[in-house]
Amino acid sequence: MSKLLIILSLWCLMACTAADRQPAIPRPKAYPRPTLYAADYKTCPISGSAMEISVNKSAEVVSTKPGWFDISYPAYDITVNCTLTPITPESLSSVLDNRRERMALNLEGQYGEMTQWDGVTIIVAPAAMRTPVQFLATDSASFVLSGVAVGNYPAGASPDSIAPYVNAVAQDITHMLKQL
């Protein structure tokens, strides 16, 4: 008799709780995980200079004129526009001031994360959709290398949707600057 009572109790408990279940409804939209380039690098010369840079093997490097070059990431829709400016110790301050002012204007009023070491500054601001990554590097004697990653995203794209690409480009730029 006690077994019958236990079985009946369990059956009633299961019947009462199963009635509250709703069928699973799939989300209306899914976002695929973006495919990122592998962290493999190649060395490329900078036109008009003896300097070489280390860039992602999947990126394309095009020199537009001596000291000016672009690093293109086709799958990310990002191009890093770079400039190598020759300097003297006397011109260093004015060149750096000019580049820092340009970086501030490119942020479009957005906040970013700044990383600095030994004459290098990198700013990553994914909310600045058109210019999410910027950098400035100098040896304080002969050159200033500056650049800005320019994204070509449709209106309405959110910073969250481009964040994986921005982070990948920022990692590649960090690698390039550490190899100078």
Protein backbone atom coordinates (compact mmCIF):
# COMPACT_ATOMS: atom_id res chain seq x y z
CA MET A 1 0.00 0.00 0.00
CA SER A 2 2.79 2.39 0.83
CA LYS A 3 4.38 1.77 -2.58
CA LEU A 4 1.13 2.66 -4.28
CA LEU A 5 0.92 5.88 -2.26
CA ILE A 6 4.48 6.88 -3.21
CA ILE A 7 3.91 6.15 -6.90
CA LEU A 8 0.63 8.07 -6.86
CA SER A 9 2.32 11.02 -5.13
CA LEU A 10 5.15 11.11 -7.68
CA TRP A 11 2.69 10.91 -10.56
CA CYS A 12 0.68 13.86 -9.17
CA LEU A 13 3.86 15.89 -8.65
CA MET A 14 5.05 15.28 -12.23
CA ALA A 15 1.62 16.03 -13.69
CA CYS A 16 1.41 19.35 -11.83
CA THR A 17 4.89 20.59 -12.77
CA ALA A 18 4.79 19.47 -16.42
CA ALA A 19 1.74 21.64 -17.11
CA ASP A 20 3.81 24.83 -16.54
CA ARG A 21 6.38 24.10 -19.24
CA GLN A 22 6.41 26.22 -22.37
CA PRO A 23 7.77 24.84 -25.61
CA ALA A 24 11.23 26.21 -26.54
CA ILE A 25 11.06 29.11 -28.97
CA PRO A 26 14.18 29.83 -31.05
CA ARG A 27 15.59 33.35 -31.03
CA PRO A 28 14.62 35.34 -34.10
CA LYS A 29 18.22 36.21 -35.00
CA ALA A 30 21.58 34.49 -34.56
CA TYR A 31 24.98 36.07 -34.89
CA PRO A 32 27.74 33.88 -36.29
CA ARG A 33 31.15 33.93 -34.68
CA PRO A 34 33.44 35.98 -36.94
CA THR A 35 36.40 34.28 -38.58
CA LEU A 36 39.63 36.04 -37.63
CA TYR A 37 43.02 35.90 -39.32
CA ALA A 38 45.62 33.66 -37.70
CA ALA A 39 48.38 35.47 -35.78
CA ASP A 40 51.04 34.71 -38.42
CA TYR A 41 53.27 37.58 -39.53
CA LYS A 42 55.46 38.60 -42.44
CA THR A 43 58.04 41.35 -42.83
CA CYS A 44 57.41 44.16 -45.33
CA PRO A 45 59.66 47.10 -46.28
CA ILE A 46 58.37 50.65 -46.00
CA SER A 47 58.73 52.49 -49.30
CA GLY A 48 61.24 55.35 -49.15
CA SER A 49 62.89 54.09 -45.95
CA ALA A 50 65.23 51.41 -44.69
CA MET A 51 62.63 50.38 -42.08
CA GLU A 52 60.68 47.15 -42.21
CA ILE A 53 57.43 46.33 -40.43
CA SER A 54 55.90 43.06 -39.29
CA VAL A 55 52.30 42.63 -40.48
CA ASN A 56 49.71 39.86 -40.50
CA LYS A 57 50.26 37.44 -43.40
CA SER A 58 46.60 37.76 -44.38
CA ALA A 59 46.75 41.55 -44.57
CA GLU A 60 47.70 43.39 -47.73
CA VAL A 61 50.31 46.18 -47.61
CA VAL A 62 50.24 48.88 -50.29
CA SER A 63 52.61 51.87 -50.45
CA THR A 64 50.88 54.92 -51.85
CA LYS A 65 54.04 57.08 -51.87
CA PRO A 66 57.33 57.13 -49.94
CA GLY A 67 56.58 57.07 -46.21
CA TRP A 68 52.84 56.42 -46.71
CA PHE A 69 51.40 52.93 -46.71
CA ASP A 70 48.13 51.13 -46.04
CA ILE A 71 47.62 47.79 -44.29
CA SER A 72 44.35 46.35 -45.53
CA TYR A 73 42.28 43.67 -43.77
CA PRO A 74 39.71 42.71 -46.45
CA ALA A 75 37.71 40.28 -44.29
CA TYR A 76 37.37 42.92 -41.54
CA ASP A 77 36.62 45.88 -43.82
CA ILE A 78 39.41 47.78 -42.05
CA THR A 79 42.37 49.63 -43.57
CA VAL A 80 45.19 50.96 -41.40
CA ASN A 81 46.50 54.18 -42.96
CA CYS A 82 50.13 54.68 -41.85
CA THR A 83 52.63 57.50 -42.19
CA LEU A 84 56.36 57.38 -41.52
CA THR A 85 57.58 60.93 -40.84
CA PRO A 86 61.32 61.62 -40.71
CA ILE A 87 62.20 63.94 -37.83
CA THR A 88 65.07 65.69 -36.14
CA PRO A 89 65.31 66.17 -32.38
CA GLU A 90 64.22 69.78 -32.98
CA SER A 91 61.08 68.84 -34.94
CA LEU A 92 60.05 65.95 -32.66
CA SER A 93 57.84 68.01 -30.35
CA SER A 94 55.84 69.70 -33.10
CA VAL A 95 55.33 66.44 -35.05
CA LEU A 96 54.15 64.60 -31.92
CA ASP A 97 51.82 67.47 -30.95
CA ASN A 98 50.30 67.44 -34.44
CA ARG A 99 49.75 63.67 -34.37
CA ARG A 100 48.26 63.72 -30.85
CA GLU A 101 45.82 66.46 -31.86
CA ARG A 102 44.80 64.42 -34.91
CA MET A 103 44.26 61.34 -32.71
CA ALA A 104 42.03 63.32 -30.35
CA LEU A 105 39.93 64.60 -33.25
CA ASN A 106 39.63 61.08 -34.71
CA LEU A 107 38.10 59.78 -31.47
CA GLU A 108 34.88 61.66 -32.36
CA GLY A 109 34.25 62.40 -28.67
CA GLN A 110 34.42 58.71 -27.71
CA TYR A 111 36.53 57.29 -24.93
CA GLY A 112 39.20 54.72 -25.61
CA GLU A 113 41.71 52.52 -23.87
CA MET A 114 45.24 53.88 -24.12
CA THR A 115 48.34 51.68 -23.92
CA GLN A 116 51.80 53.24 -23.76
CA TRP A 117 55.40 52.01 -23.60
CA ASP A 118 58.81 53.39 -24.72
CA GLY A 119 57.66 56.04 -27.20
CA VAL A 120 54.58 54.09 -28.33
CA THR A 121 50.92 55.01 -27.80
CA ILE A 122 47.99 52.88 -28.95
CA ILE A 123 44.37 53.97 -28.49
CA VAL A 124 41.56 51.45 -28.97
CA ALA A 125 38.07 52.96 -29.02
CA PRO A 126 35.55 50.59 -30.64
CA ALA A 127 32.74 53.15 -30.19
CA ALA A 128 34.63 55.48 -32.55
CA MET A 129 33.28 53.43 -35.44
CA ARG A 130 35.23 55.06 -38.27
CA THR A 131 38.59 55.16 -36.45
CA PRO A 132 38.58 52.48 -33.74
CA VAL A 133 42.37 52.00 -33.44
CA GLN A 134 45.09 54.65 -33.61
CA PHE A 135 48.79 54.55 -32.86
CA LEU A 136 51.87 56.72 -32.58
CA ALA A 137 55.47 55.50 -32.24
CA THR A 138 58.82 57.25 -32.26
CA ASP A 139 62.47 56.55 -31.58
CA SER A 140 62.79 60.26 -30.56
CA ALA A 141 65.67 60.74 -32.99
CA SER A 142 64.83 59.88 -36.60
CA PHE A 143 61.18 58.91 -37.17
CA VAL A 144 57.56 59.10 -36.07
CA LEU A 145 55.32 56.28 -37.26
CA SER A 146 51.62 57.02 -36.93
CA GLY A 147 48.48 55.37 -38.14
CA VAL A 148 44.75 55.00 -37.86
CA ALA A 149 42.54 52.00 -38.56
CA VAL A 150 39.60 53.12 -40.69
CA GLY A 151 36.49 50.95 -40.66
CA ASN A 152 34.04 50.94 -43.54
CA TYR A 153 30.88 49.84 -41.73
CA PRO A 154 27.25 50.36 -42.65
CA ALA A 155 25.19 52.89 -40.76
CA GLY A 156 23.64 51.26 -37.74
CA ALA A 157 26.47 48.79 -37.11
CA SER A 158 27.08 48.47 -33.39
CA PRO A 159 30.49 48.61 -31.66
CA ASP A 160 29.79 45.15 -30.25
CA SER A 161 29.52 43.65 -33.73
CA ILE A 162 32.91 45.01 -34.84
CA ALA A 163 34.73 44.44 -31.52
CA PRO A 164 36.35 41.12 -32.55
CA TYR A 165 37.80 42.75 -35.68
CA VAL A 166 38.95 45.86 -33.80
CA ASN A 167 40.67 43.72 -31.16
CA ALA A 168 42.39 41.59 -33.82
CA VAL A 169 43.70 44.68 -35.63
CA ALA A 170 44.84 46.20 -32.32
CA GLN A 171 46.76 42.99 -31.52
CA ASP A 172 48.42 43.08 -34.96
CA ILE A 173 49.37 46.75 -34.52
CA THR A 174 50.78 45.99 -31.07
CA HIS A 175 52.86 43.17 -32.58
CA MET A 176 54.09 45.46 -35.38
CA LEU A 177 55.13 48.22 -32.98
CA LYS A 178 56.92 45.83 -30.62
CA GLN A 179 59.02 44.65 -33.58
CA LEU A 180 60.27 48.14 -34.51
